């Protein structure tokens, strides 16, 4: 299920961004992080 990021609070979006950055820094591909999070570019 895809998430509509526009409906999330700023705090929730910030937490998602931080987690995604950490995953990419740990070596996961950006495309995988986006897909697993249920978002689109």
C-alpha atoms as a PDB file:
ATOM      1  CA  UNK A   1       0.000   0.000   0.000  1.00  0.00           C
ATOM      2  CA  UNK A   2       1.365   3.412  -0.956  1.00  0.00           C
ATOM      3  CA  UNK A   3       1.344   6.181   1.618  1.00  0.00           C
ATOM      4  CA  UNK A   4       0.298   9.737   0.926  1.00  0.00           C
ATOM      5  CA  UNK A   5       3.110  11.744   2.492  1.00  0.00           C
ATOM      6  CA  UNK A   6       1.005  14.896   2.319  1.00  0.00           C
ATOM      7  CA  UNK A   7      -1.244  13.518   5.073  1.00  0.00           C
ATOM      8  CA  UNK A   8       1.602  12.880   7.527  1.00  0.00           C
ATOM      9  CA  UNK A   9       2.724  15.371  10.147  1.00  0.00           C
ATOM     10  CA  UNK A  10       6.012  17.204   9.739  1.00  0.00           C
ATOM     11  CA  UNK A  11       7.404  15.262  12.694  1.00  0.00           C
ATOM     12  CA  UNK A  12       6.461  11.916  11.119  1.00  0.00           C
ATOM     13  CA  UNK A  13       8.008  12.933   7.793  1.00  0.00           C
ATOM     14  CA  UNK A  14      11.216  13.992   9.534  1.00  0.00           C
ATOM     15  CA  UNK A  15      11.436  10.640  11.324  1.00  0.00           C
ATOM     16  CA  UNK A  16      10.880   8.776   8.047  1.00  0.00           C
ATOM     17  CA  UNK A  17      13.601  10.836   6.344  1.00  0.00           C
ATOM     18  CA  UNK A  18      16.097  10.187   9.128  1.00  0.00           C
ATOM     19  CA  UNK A  19      15.406   6.450   9.037  1.00  0.00           C
ATOM     20  CA  UNK A  20      15.718   6.375   5.232  1.00  0.00           C
ATOM     21  CA  UNK A  21      19.040   8.242   5.338  1.00  0.00           C
ATOM     22  CA  UNK A  22      20.374   5.789   7.918  1.00  0.00           C
ATOM     23  CA  UNK A  23      19.322   2.830   5.760  1.00  0.00           C
ATOM     24  CA  UNK A  24      21.075   4.279   2.692  1.00  0.00           C
ATOM     25  CA  UNK A  25      24.198   5.035   4.724  1.00  0.00           C
ATOM     26  CA  UNK A  26      24.169   1.382   5.866  1.00  0.00           C
ATOM     27  CA  UNK A  27      24.314   0.294   2.233  1.00  0.00           C
ATOM     28  CA  UNK A  28      20.711  -0.230   1.155  1.00  0.00           C
ATOM     29  CA  UNK A  29      19.828   1.008  -2.301  1.00  0.00           C
ATOM     30  CA  UNK A  30      17.676   4.143  -2.361  1.00  0.00           C
ATOM     31  CA  UNK A  31      15.111   2.458  -4.612  1.00  0.00           C
ATOM     32  CA  UNK A  32      14.709  -0.375  -2.087  1.00  0.00           C
ATOM     33  CA  UNK A  33      14.272   2.033   0.814  1.00  0.00           C
ATOM     34  CA  UNK A  34      11.603   3.950  -1.095  1.00  0.00           C
ATOM     35  CA  UNK A  35       9.778   0.784  -2.160  1.00  0.00           C
ATOM     36  CA  UNK A  36       9.868  -0.809   1.287  1.00  0.00           C
ATOM     37  CA  UNK A  37       8.575   2.421   2.808  1.00  0.00           C
ATOM     38  CA  UNK A  38       5.615   2.390   0.437  1.00  0.00           C
ATOM     39  CA  UNK A  39       6.504   5.703  -1.170  1.00  0.00           C
ATOM     40  CA  UNK A  40       7.303   6.909  -4.683  1.00  0.00           C
ATOM     41  CA  UNK A  41      10.001   9.305  -5.770  1.00  0.00           C
END
